[in-house]
PDB file of all heavy atoms in Angstrom:
ATOM      1  N   THR A   1       3.330   5.865  17.421  1.00  0.00           N
ATOM      2  CA  THR A   1       2.518   5.439  18.556  1.00  0.00           C
ATOM      3  C   THR A   1       1.313   4.685  18.027  1.00  0.00           C
ATOM      4  O   THR A   1       0.494   5.231  17.275  1.00  0.00           O
ATOM      5  CB  THR A   1       2.056   6.649  19.384  1.00  0.00           C
ATOM      6  OG1 THR A   1       3.210   7.331  19.882  1.00  0.00           O
ATOM      7  CG2 THR A   1       1.190   6.201  20.548  1.00  0.00           C
ATOM      8  N   LEU A   2       1.210   3.424  18.401  1.00  0.00           N
ATOM      9  CA  LEU A   2       0.189   2.545  17.855  1.00  0.00           C
ATOM     10  C   LEU A   2      -1.169   2.823  18.477  1.00  0.00           C
ATOM     11  O   LEU A   2      -1.272   3.337  19.595  1.00  0.00           O
ATOM     12  CB  LEU A   2       0.587   1.086  18.091  1.00  0.00           C
ATOM     13  CG  LEU A   2       1.975   0.672  17.587  1.00  0.00           C
ATOM     14  CD1 LEU A   2       2.235  -0.800  17.893  1.00  0.00           C
ATOM     15  CD2 LEU A   2       2.119   0.942  16.089  1.00  0.00           C
ATOM     16  N   LYS A   3      -2.217   2.449  17.762  1.00  0.00           N
ATOM     17  CA  LYS A   3      -3.574   2.618  18.286  1.00  0.00           C
ATOM     18  C   LYS A   3      -3.858   1.642  19.417  1.00  0.00           C
ATOM     19  O   LYS A   3      -4.644   1.930  20.318  1.00  0.00           O
ATOM     20  CB  LYS A   3      -4.588   2.438  17.156  1.00  0.00           C
ATOM     21  CG  LYS A   3      -4.552   3.550  16.130  1.00  0.00           C
ATOM     22  CD  LYS A   3      -5.617   3.353  15.060  1.00  0.00           C
ATOM     23  CE  LYS A   3      -5.602   4.507  14.077  1.00  0.00           C
ATOM     24  NZ  LYS A   3      -6.629   4.346  13.009  1.00  0.00           N
ATOM     25  N   GLU A   4      -3.232   0.478  19.351  1.00  0.00           N
ATOM     26  CA  GLU A   4      -3.364  -0.525  20.403  1.00  0.00           C
ATOM     27  C   GLU A   4      -2.002  -1.152  20.651  1.00  0.00           C
ATOM     28  O   GLU A   4      -1.177  -1.261  19.727  1.00  0.00           O
ATOM     29  CB  GLU A   4      -4.369  -1.619  20.009  1.00  0.00           C
ATOM     30  CG  GLU A   4      -5.793  -1.135  19.808  1.00  0.00           C
ATOM     31  CD  GLU A   4      -6.727  -2.268  19.413  1.00  0.00           C
ATOM     32  OE1 GLU A   4      -6.234  -3.413  19.262  1.00  0.00           O
ATOM     33  OE2 GLU A   4      -7.924  -2.019  19.246  1.00  0.00           O
ATOM     34  N   ALA A   5      -1.773  -1.609  21.869  1.00  0.00           N
ATOM     35  CA  ALA A   5      -0.519  -2.291  22.172  1.00  0.00           C
ATOM     36  C   ALA A   5      -0.399  -3.563  21.339  1.00  0.00           C
ATOM     37  O   ALA A   5      -1.392  -4.241  21.060  1.00  0.00           O
ATOM     38  CB  ALA A   5      -0.445  -2.625  23.657  1.00  0.00           C
ATOM     39  N   LEU A   6       0.810  -3.858  20.935  1.00  0.00           N
ATOM     40  CA  LEU A   6       1.048  -5.084  20.181  1.00  0.00           C
ATOM     41  C   LEU A   6       0.575  -6.283  20.991  1.00  0.00           C
ATOM     42  O   LEU A   6       0.891  -6.411  22.177  1.00  0.00           O
ATOM     43  CB  LEU A   6       2.538  -5.231  19.874  1.00  0.00           C
ATOM     44  CG  LEU A   6       3.124  -4.201  18.897  1.00  0.00           C
ATOM     45  CD1 LEU A   6       4.651  -4.242  18.962  1.00  0.00           C
ATOM     46  CD2 LEU A   6       2.643  -4.491  17.484  1.00  0.00           C
ATOM     47  N   ARG A   7      -0.192  -7.147  20.332  1.00  0.00           N
ATOM     48  CA  ARG A   7      -0.699  -8.318  21.043  1.00  0.00           C
ATOM     49  C   ARG A   7       0.452  -9.256  21.375  1.00  0.00           C
ATOM     50  O   ARG A   7       1.524  -9.237  20.757  1.00  0.00           O
ATOM     51  CB  ARG A   7      -1.737  -9.051  20.187  1.00  0.00           C
ATOM     52  CG  ARG A   7      -1.171  -9.705  18.944  1.00  0.00           C
ATOM     53  CD  ARG A   7      -2.224 -10.528  18.208  1.00  0.00           C
ATOM     54  NE  ARG A   7      -1.648 -11.277  17.116  1.00  0.00           N
ATOM     55  CZ  ARG A   7      -1.545 -10.855  15.869  1.00  0.00           C
ATOM     56  NH1 ARG A   7      -1.997  -9.657  15.553  1.00  0.00           N
ATOM     57  NH2 ARG A   7      -1.001 -11.621  14.948  1.00  0.00           N
ATOM     58  N   ALA A   8       0.224 -10.115  22.355  1.00  0.00           N
ATOM     59  CA  ALA A   8       1.213 -11.131  22.700  1.00  0.00           C
ATOM     60  C   ALA A   8       1.480 -12.006  21.485  1.00  0.00           C
ATOM     61  O   ALA A   8       0.560 -12.471  20.824  1.00  0.00           O
ATOM     62  CB  ALA A   8       0.703 -11.978  23.863  1.00  0.00           C
ATOM     63  N   GLY A   9       2.745 -12.211  21.192  1.00  0.00           N
ATOM     64  CA  GLY A   9       3.105 -13.068  20.071  1.00  0.00           C
ATOM     65  C   GLY A   9       3.186 -12.366  18.733  1.00  0.00           C
ATOM     66  O   GLY A   9       3.517 -13.008  17.722  1.00  0.00           O
ATOM     67  N   TYR A  10       2.869 -11.056  18.708  1.00  0.00           N
ATOM     68  CA  TYR A  10       2.980 -10.363  17.418  1.00  0.00           C
ATOM     69  C   TYR A  10       4.432 -10.446  16.950  1.00  0.00           C
ATOM     70  O   TYR A  10       5.363 -10.106  17.685  1.00  0.00           O
ATOM     71  CB  TYR A  10       2.540  -8.908  17.554  1.00  0.00           C
ATOM     72  CG  TYR A  10       2.465  -8.199  16.226  1.00  0.00           C
ATOM     73  CD1 TYR A  10       1.300  -8.222  15.474  1.00  0.00           C
ATOM     74  CD2 TYR A  10       3.565  -7.526  15.714  1.00  0.00           C
ATOM     75  CE1 TYR A  10       1.232  -7.582  14.240  1.00  0.00           C
ATOM     76  CE2 TYR A  10       3.503  -6.880  14.489  1.00  0.00           C
ATOM     77  CZ  TYR A  10       2.329  -6.918  13.754  1.00  0.00           C
ATOM     78  OH  TYR A  10       2.264  -6.294  12.541  1.00  0.00           O
ATOM     79  N   PRO A  11       4.672 -10.884  15.712  1.00  0.00           N
ATOM     80  CA  PRO A  11       6.029 -11.289  15.309  1.00  0.00           C
ATOM     81  C   PRO A  11       6.915 -10.140  14.839  1.00  0.00           C
ATOM     82  O   PRO A  11       7.417 -10.134  13.715  1.00  0.00           O
ATOM     83  CB  PRO A  11       5.747 -12.260  14.164  1.00  0.00           C
ATOM     84  CG  PRO A  11       4.499 -11.726  13.523  1.00  0.00           C
ATOM     85  CD  PRO A  11       3.668 -11.202  14.665  1.00  0.00           C
ATOM     86  N   ILE A  12       7.144  -9.174  15.700  1.00  0.00           N
ATOM     87  CA  ILE A  12       7.987  -8.038  15.346  1.00  0.00           C
ATOM     88  C   ILE A  12       9.304  -8.138  16.096  1.00  0.00           C
ATOM     89  O   ILE A  12       9.358  -8.622  17.231  1.00  0.00           O
ATOM     90  CB  ILE A  12       7.277  -6.705  15.654  1.00  0.00           C
ATOM     91  CG1 ILE A  12       8.049  -5.518  15.080  1.00  0.00           C
ATOM     92  CG2 ILE A  12       7.041  -6.541  17.146  1.00  0.00           C
ATOM     93  CD1 ILE A  12       7.304  -4.199  15.186  1.00  0.00           C
ATOM     94  N   ALA A  13      10.392  -7.682  15.445  1.00  0.00           N
ATOM     95  CA  ALA A  13      11.701  -7.702  16.091  1.00  0.00           C
ATOM     96  C   ALA A  13      12.511  -6.520  15.577  1.00  0.00           C
ATOM     97  O   ALA A  13      12.289  -6.028  14.464  1.00  0.00           O
ATOM     98  CB  ALA A  13      12.432  -9.014  15.797  1.00  0.00           C
ATOM     99  N   VAL A  14      13.444  -6.075  16.390  1.00  0.00           N
ATOM    100  CA  VAL A  14      14.372  -5.035  15.960  1.00  0.00           C
ATOM    101  C   VAL A  14      15.106  -5.534  14.713  1.00  0.00           C
ATOM    102  O   VAL A  14      15.541  -6.684  14.649  1.00  0.00           O
ATOM    103  CB  VAL A  14      15.359  -4.690  17.083  1.00  0.00           C
ATOM    104  CG1 VAL A  14      16.484  -3.797  16.564  1.00  0.00           C
ATOM    105  CG2 VAL A  14      14.629  -4.006  18.235  1.00  0.00           C
ATOM    106  N   GLY A  15      15.206  -4.673  13.736  1.00  0.00           N
ATOM    107  CA  GLY A  15      15.835  -5.040  12.470  1.00  0.00           C
ATOM    108  C   GLY A  15      14.866  -5.397  11.365  1.00  0.00           C
ATOM    109  O   GLY A  15      15.255  -5.474  10.194  1.00  0.00           O
ATOM    110  N   ASP A  16      13.584  -5.608  11.704  1.00  0.00           N
ATOM    111  CA  ASP A  16      12.599  -5.938  10.673  1.00  0.00           C
ATOM    112  C   ASP A  16      12.416  -4.765   9.706  1.00  0.00           C
ATOM    113  O   ASP A  16      12.282  -3.610  10.139  1.00  0.00           O
ATOM    114  CB  ASP A  16      11.240  -6.267  11.296  1.00  0.00           C
ATOM    115  CG  ASP A  16      11.194  -7.647  11.908  1.00  0.00           C
ATOM    116  OD1 ASP A  16      12.133  -8.439  11.685  1.00  0.00           O
ATOM    117  OD2 ASP A  16      10.201  -7.943  12.611  1.00  0.00           O
ATOM    118  N   PRO A  17      12.371  -5.039   8.420  1.00  0.00           N
ATOM    119  CA  PRO A  17      12.048  -3.974   7.472  1.00  0.00           C
ATOM    120  C   PRO A  17      10.581  -3.556   7.599  1.00  0.00           C
ATOM    121  O   PRO A  17       9.709  -4.389   7.855  1.00  0.00           O
ATOM    122  CB  PRO A  17      12.315  -4.624   6.105  1.00  0.00           C
ATOM    123  CG  PRO A  17      13.101  -5.865   6.390  1.00  0.00           C
ATOM    124  CD  PRO A  17      12.689  -6.313   7.755  1.00  0.00           C
ATOM    125  N   VAL A  18      10.306  -2.282   7.413  1.00  0.00           N
ATOM    126  CA  VAL A  18       8.941  -1.771   7.380  1.00  0.00           C
ATOM    127  C   VAL A  18       8.822  -0.804   6.204  1.00  0.00           C
ATOM    128  O   VAL A  18       9.808  -0.217   5.752  1.00  0.00           O
ATOM    129  CB  VAL A  18       8.529  -1.058   8.681  1.00  0.00           C
ATOM    130  CG1 VAL A  18       8.449  -2.025   9.843  1.00  0.00           C
ATOM    131  CG2 VAL A  18       9.482   0.078   9.004  1.00  0.00           C
ATOM    132  N   ALA A  19       7.599  -0.655   5.726  1.00  0.00           N
ATOM    133  CA  ALA A  19       7.327   0.299   4.650  1.00  0.00           C
ATOM    134  C   ALA A  19       5.988   0.955   4.918  1.00  0.00           C
ATOM    135  O   ALA A  19       5.168   0.450   5.690  1.00  0.00           O
ATOM    136  CB  ALA A  19       7.316  -0.413   3.296  1.00  0.00           C
ATOM    137  N   TRP A  20       5.759   2.092   4.275  1.00  0.00           N
ATOM    138  CA  TRP A  20       4.467   2.769   4.384  1.00  0.00           C
ATOM    139  C   TRP A  20       4.228   3.518   3.079  1.00  0.00           C
ATOM    140  O   TRP A  20       5.154   3.991   2.426  1.00  0.00           O
ATOM    141  CB  TRP A  20       4.431   3.727   5.579  1.00  0.00           C
ATOM    142  CG  TRP A  20       5.582   4.688   5.625  1.00  0.00           C
ATOM    143  CD1 TRP A  20       5.648   5.946   5.111  1.00  0.00           C
ATOM    144  CD2 TRP A  20       6.868   4.434   6.220  1.00  0.00           C
ATOM    145  NE1 TRP A  20       6.864   6.501   5.344  1.00  0.00           N
ATOM    146  CE2 TRP A  20       7.645   5.608   6.023  1.00  0.00           C
ATOM    147  CE3 TRP A  20       7.426   3.352   6.897  1.00  0.00           C
ATOM    148  CZ2 TRP A  20       8.951   5.704   6.485  1.00  0.00           C
ATOM    149  CZ3 TRP A  20       8.720   3.453   7.350  1.00  0.00           C
ATOM    150  CH2 TRP A  20       9.468   4.615   7.155  1.00  0.00           C
ATOM    151  N   ARG A  21       2.968   3.582   2.725  1.00  0.00           N
ATOM    152  CA  ARG A  21       2.649   4.214   1.455  1.00  0.00           C
ATOM    153  C   ARG A  21       2.445   5.720   1.628  1.00  0.00           C
ATOM    154  O   ARG A  21       2.132   6.211   2.713  1.00  0.00           O
ATOM    155  CB  ARG A  21       1.412   3.593   0.833  1.00  0.00           C
ATOM    156  CG  ARG A  21       0.085   3.926   1.475  1.00  0.00           C
ATOM    157  CD  ARG A  21      -0.987   3.094   0.788  1.00  0.00           C
ATOM    158  NE  ARG A  21      -2.354   3.517   1.125  1.00  0.00           N
ATOM    159  CZ  ARG A  21      -3.439   2.883   0.685  1.00  0.00           C
ATOM    160  NH1 ARG A  21      -3.313   1.811  -0.077  1.00  0.00           N
ATOM    161  NH2 ARG A  21      -4.646   3.309   1.001  1.00  0.00           N
ATOM    162  N   GLY A  22       2.593   6.433   0.527  1.00  0.00           N
ATOM    163  CA  GLY A  22       2.317   7.856   0.515  1.00  0.00           C
ATOM    164  C   GLY A  22       0.900   8.133   0.061  1.00  0.00           C
ATOM    165  O   GLY A  22       0.085   7.232  -0.138  1.00  0.00           O
ATOM    166  N   ASN A  23       0.592   9.416  -0.104  1.00  0.00           N
ATOM    167  CA  ASN A  23      -0.721   9.798  -0.613  1.00  0.00           C
ATOM    168  C   ASN A  23      -0.885   9.302  -2.046  1.00  0.00           C
ATOM    169  O   ASN A  23       0.090   9.183  -2.787  1.00  0.00           O
ATOM    170  CB  ASN A  23      -0.894  11.317  -0.532  1.00  0.00           C
ATOM    171  CG  ASN A  23      -0.883  11.807   0.901  1.00  0.00           C
ATOM    172  OD1 ASN A  23      -1.148  11.052   1.843  1.00  0.00           O
ATOM    173  ND2 ASN A  23      -0.564  13.084   1.097  1.00  0.00           N
ATOM    174  N   ILE A  24      -2.125   9.063  -2.423  1.00  0.00           N
ATOM    175  CA  ILE A  24      -2.401   8.283  -3.627  1.00  0.00           C
ATOM    176  C   ILE A  24      -2.784   9.172  -4.810  1.00  0.00           C
ATOM    177  O   ILE A  24      -3.596  10.085  -4.685  1.00  0.00           O
ATOM    178  CB  ILE A  24      -3.520   7.271  -3.344  1.00  0.00           C
ATOM    179  CG1 ILE A  24      -3.006   6.193  -2.380  1.00  0.00           C
ATOM    180  CG2 ILE A  24      -4.043   6.638  -4.614  1.00  0.00           C
ATOM    181  CD1 ILE A  24      -4.068   5.230  -1.929  1.00  0.00           C
ATOM    182  N   ALA A  25      -2.191   8.873  -5.962  1.00  0.00           N
ATOM    183  CA  ALA A  25      -2.620   9.424  -7.252  1.00  0.00           C
ATOM    184  C   ALA A  25      -2.463   8.318  -8.281  1.00  0.00           C
ATOM    185  O   ALA A  25      -1.417   7.669  -8.341  1.00  0.00           O
ATOM    186  CB  ALA A  25      -1.775  10.632  -7.643  1.00  0.00           C
ATOM    187  N   PRO A  26      -3.477   8.043  -9.093  1.00  0.00           N
ATOM    188  CA  PRO A  26      -3.353   6.955 -10.070  1.00  0.00           C
ATOM    189  C   PRO A  26      -2.289   7.267 -11.110  1.00  0.00           C
ATOM    190  O   PRO A  26      -2.172   8.409 -11.580  1.00  0.00           O
ATOM    191  CB  PRO A  26      -4.746   6.880 -10.697  1.00  0.00           C
ATOM    192  CG  PRO A  26      -5.354   8.218 -10.452  1.00  0.00           C
ATOM    193  CD  PRO A  26      -4.783   8.709  -9.160  1.00  0.00           C
ATOM    194  N   ASP A  27      -1.505   6.262 -11.484  1.00  0.00           N
ATOM    195  CA  ASP A  27      -0.481   6.487 -12.498  1.00  0.00           C
ATOM    196  C   ASP A  27      -1.080   6.566 -13.899  1.00  0.00           C
ATOM    197  O   ASP A  27      -0.669   7.394 -14.703  1.00  0.00           O
ATOM    198  CB  ASP A  27       0.583   5.386 -12.423  1.00  0.00           C
ATOM    199  CG  ASP A  27       1.774   5.842 -11.602  1.00  0.00           C
ATOM    200  OD1 ASP A  27       2.255   6.949 -11.856  1.00  0.00           O
ATOM    201  OD2 ASP A  27       2.204   5.109 -10.710  1.00  0.00           O
ATOM    202  N   LEU A  28      -2.015   5.707 -14.221  1.00  0.00           N
ATOM    203  CA  LEU A  28      -2.733   5.778 -15.491  1.00  0.00           C
ATOM    204  C   LEU A  28      -4.218   5.791 -15.174  1.00  0.00           C
ATOM    205  O   LEU A  28      -4.760   4.813 -14.661  1.00  0.00           O
ATOM    206  CB  LEU A  28      -2.388   4.586 -16.385  1.00  0.00           C
ATOM    207  CG  LEU A  28      -3.173   4.480 -17.697  1.00  0.00           C
ATOM    208  CD1 LEU A  28      -3.027   5.736 -18.540  1.00  0.00           C
ATOM    209  CD2 LEU A  28      -2.720   3.256 -18.484  1.00  0.00           C
ATOM    210  N   PHE A  29      -4.872   6.917 -15.477  1.00  0.00           N
ATOM    211  CA  PHE A  29      -6.278   7.094 -15.150  1.00  0.00           C
ATOM    212  C   PHE A  29      -7.071   7.194 -16.444  1.00  0.00           C
ATOM    213  O   PHE A  29      -6.808   8.063 -17.278  1.00  0.00           O
ATOM    214  CB  PHE A  29      -6.466   8.360 -14.310  1.00  0.00           C
ATOM    215  CG  PHE A  29      -7.873   8.561 -13.796  1.00  0.00           C
ATOM    216  CD1 PHE A  29      -8.607   7.511 -13.275  1.00  0.00           C
ATOM    217  CD2 PHE A  29      -8.457   9.815 -13.824  1.00  0.00           C
ATOM    218  CE1 PHE A  29      -9.895   7.689 -12.794  1.00  0.00           C
ATOM    219  CE2 PHE A  29      -9.745  10.028 -13.345  1.00  0.00           C
ATOM    220  CZ  PHE A  29     -10.462   8.955 -12.834  1.00  0.00           C
ATOM    221  N   LEU A  30      -8.037   6.287 -16.598  1.00  0.00           N
ATOM    222  CA  LEU A  30      -8.897   6.247 -17.778  1.00  0.00           C
ATOM    223  C   LEU A  30     -10.307   6.608 -17.341  1.00  0.00           C
ATOM    224  O   LEU A  30     -10.936   5.853 -16.603  1.00  0.00           O
ATOM    225  CB  LEU A  30      -8.883   4.855 -18.405  1.00  0.00           C
ATOM    226  CG  LEU A  30      -7.495   4.264 -18.719  1.00  0.00           C
ATOM    227  CD1 LEU A  30      -7.646   2.864 -19.293  1.00  0.00           C
ATOM    228  CD2 LEU A  30      -6.708   5.152 -19.661  1.00  0.00           C
ATOM    229  N   GLN A  31     -10.814   7.749 -17.797  1.00  0.00           N
ATOM    230  CA  GLN A  31     -12.127   8.214 -17.368  1.00  0.00           C
ATOM    231  C   GLN A  31     -13.059   8.349 -18.570  1.00  0.00           C
ATOM    232  O   GLN A  31     -12.763   9.047 -19.533  1.00  0.00           O
ATOM    233  CB  GLN A  31     -12.009   9.564 -16.656  1.00  0.00           C
ATOM    234  CG  GLN A  31     -13.355  10.124 -16.181  1.00  0.00           C
ATOM    235  CD  GLN A  31     -13.199  11.319 -15.291  1.00  0.00           C
ATOM    236  OE1 GLN A  31     -13.183  11.189 -14.071  1.00  0.00           O
ATOM    237  NE2 GLN A  31     -13.103  12.515 -15.862  1.00  0.00           N
ATOM    238  N   ASN A  32     -14.184   7.647 -18.464  1.00  0.00           N
ATOM    239  CA  ASN A  32     -15.235   7.734 -19.476  1.00  0.00           C
ATOM    240  C   ASN A  32     -14.717   7.311 -20.853  1.00  0.00           C
ATOM    241  O   ASN A  32     -15.028   7.924 -21.869  1.00  0.00           O
ATOM    242  CB  ASN A  32     -15.808   9.156 -19.542  1.00  0.00           C
ATOM    243  CG  ASN A  32     -17.181   9.188 -20.193  1.00  0.00           C
ATOM    244  OD1 ASN A  32     -17.997   8.299 -19.974  1.00  0.00           O
ATOM    245  ND2 ASN A  32     -17.443  10.202 -20.993  1.00  0.00           N
ATOM    246  N   ASP A  33     -13.941   6.235 -20.880  1.00  0.00           N
ATOM    247  CA  ASP A  33     -13.341   5.741 -22.119  1.00  0.00           C
ATOM    248  C   ASP A  33     -14.027   4.455 -22.579  1.00  0.00           C
ATOM    249  O   ASP A  33     -14.839   3.858 -21.866  1.00  0.00           O
ATOM    250  CB  ASP A  33     -11.850   5.476 -21.910  1.00  0.00           C
ATOM    251  CG  ASP A  33     -11.077   6.723 -21.529  1.00  0.00           C
ATOM    252  OD1 ASP A  33     -11.459   7.811 -21.988  1.00  0.00           O
ATOM    253  OD2 ASP A  33     -10.102   6.601 -20.768  1.00  0.00           O
ATOM    254  N   ARG A  34     -13.630   3.994 -23.769  1.00  0.00           N
ATOM    255  CA  ARG A  34     -14.123   2.717 -24.275  1.00  0.00           C
ATOM    256  C   ARG A  34     -13.078   2.104 -25.197  1.00  0.00           C
ATOM    257  O   ARG A  34     -12.309   2.796 -25.854  1.00  0.00           O
ATOM    258  CB  ARG A  34     -15.442   2.890 -25.022  1.00  0.00           C
ATOM    259  CG  ARG A  34     -15.351   3.774 -26.257  1.00  0.00           C
ATOM    260  CD  ARG A  34     -16.698   3.955 -26.925  1.00  0.00           C
ATOM    261  NE  ARG A  34     -17.176   2.681 -27.462  1.00  0.00           N
ATOM    262  CZ  ARG A  34     -18.401   2.497 -27.950  1.00  0.00           C
ATOM    263  NH1 ARG A  34     -19.278   3.493 -27.933  1.00  0.00           N
ATOM    264  NH2 ARG A  34     -18.765   1.340 -28.430  1.00  0.00           N
ATOM    265  N   LYS A  35     -13.047   0.775 -25.184  1.00  0.00           N
ATOM    266  CA  LYS A  35     -12.190  -0.006 -26.071  1.00  0.00           C
ATOM    267  C   LYS A  35     -10.733   0.451 -26.036  1.00  0.00           C
ATOM    268  O   LYS A  35     -10.046   0.499 -27.060  1.00  0.00           O
ATOM    269  CB  LYS A  35     -12.737   0.028 -27.499  1.00  0.00           C
ATOM    270  CG  LYS A  35     -14.108  -0.617 -27.640  1.00  0.00           C
ATOM    271  CD  LYS A  35     -14.586  -0.635 -29.075  1.00  0.00           C
ATOM    272  CE  LYS A  35     -15.956  -1.309 -29.174  1.00  0.00           C
ATOM    273  NZ  LYS A  35     -16.485  -1.303 -30.570  1.00  0.00           N
ATOM    274  N   MET A  36     -10.254   0.776 -24.847  1.00  0.00           N
ATOM    275  CA  MET A  36      -8.837   1.073 -24.656  1.00  0.00           C
ATOM    276  C   MET A  36      -8.061  -0.239 -24.579  1.00  0.00           C
ATOM    277  O   MET A  36      -8.599  -1.280 -24.188  1.00  0.00           O
ATOM    278  CB  MET A  36      -8.629   1.890 -23.390  1.00  0.00           C
ATOM    279  CG  MET A  36      -9.435   3.188 -23.341  1.00  0.00           C
ATOM    280  SD  MET A  36      -8.857   4.426 -24.483  1.00  0.00           S
ATOM    281  CE  MET A  36      -7.426   5.054 -23.610  1.00  0.00           C
ATOM    282  N   ARG A  37      -6.789  -0.173 -24.942  1.00  0.00           N
ATOM    283  CA  ARG A  37      -5.967  -1.390 -24.922  1.00  0.00           C
ATOM    284  C   ARG A  37      -4.586  -1.047 -24.379  1.00  0.00           C
ATOM    285  O   ARG A  37      -3.928  -0.118 -24.863  1.00  0.00           O
ATOM    286  CB  ARG A  37      -5.859  -1.994 -26.319  1.00  0.00           C
ATOM    287  CG  ARG A  37      -5.271  -3.392 -26.330  1.00  0.00           C
ATOM    288  CD  ARG A  37      -5.374  -4.027 -27.701  1.00  0.00           C
ATOM    289  NE  ARG A  37      -4.936  -5.426 -27.668  1.00  0.00           N
ATOM    290  CZ  ARG A  37      -5.733  -6.457 -27.494  1.00  0.00           C
ATOM    291  NH1 ARG A  37      -7.036  -6.257 -27.370  1.00  0.00           N
ATOM    292  NH2 ARG A  37      -5.260  -7.690 -27.460  1.00  0.00           N
ATOM    293  N   LEU A  38      -4.170  -1.807 -23.379  1.00  0.00           N
ATOM    294  CA  LEU A  38      -2.876  -1.609 -22.732  1.00  0.00           C
ATOM    295  C   LEU A  38      -2.070  -2.886 -22.904  1.00  0.00           C
ATOM    296  O   LEU A  38      -2.469  -3.946 -22.415  1.00  0.00           O
ATOM    297  CB  LEU A  38      -3.080  -1.289 -21.248  1.00  0.00           C
ATOM    298  CG  LEU A  38      -1.852  -0.963 -20.407  1.00  0.00           C
ATOM    299  CD1 LEU A  38      -1.182   0.287 -20.932  1.00  0.00           C
ATOM    300  CD2 LEU A  38      -2.243  -0.768 -18.958  1.00  0.00           C
ATOM    301  N   GLU A  39      -0.953  -2.812 -23.623  1.00  0.00           N
ATOM    302  CA  GLU A  39      -0.162  -3.994 -23.966  1.00  0.00           C
ATOM    303  C   GLU A  39       1.291  -3.806 -23.560  1.00  0.00           C
ATOM    304  O   GLU A  39       1.981  -2.934 -24.079  1.00  0.00           O
ATOM    305  CB  GLU A  39      -0.222  -4.250 -25.481  1.00  0.00           C
ATOM    306  CG  GLU A  39      -1.540  -4.795 -25.992  1.00  0.00           C
ATOM    307  CD  GLU A  39      -1.587  -6.324 -25.966  1.00  0.00           C
ATOM    308  OE1 GLU A  39      -0.710  -6.939 -25.316  1.00  0.00           O
ATOM    309  OE2 GLU A  39      -2.504  -6.875 -26.602  1.00  0.00           O
ATOM    310  N   GLY A  40       1.750  -4.616 -22.599  1.00  0.00           N
ATOM    311  CA  GLY A  40       3.173  -4.719 -22.329  1.00  0.00           C
ATOM    312  C   GLY A  40       3.792  -3.577 -21.559  1.00  0.00           C
ATOM    313  O   GLY A  40       5.019  -3.406 -21.576  1.00  0.00           O
TER     314      GLY A  40
END
C-alpha cells in the first residue's frame, strides 16, 4: 500500500520487475584504520 496514489503517467505496468533491499550491514567495515589497501 503506497503512501500516495501513483501520479498520472507513472510508468508502471503489470509484468515490470521490482526489487527491494533488506536491512543493512557493511560487507567490509574498516574502523579507525590507516593506510589500508584493497586491490582487485
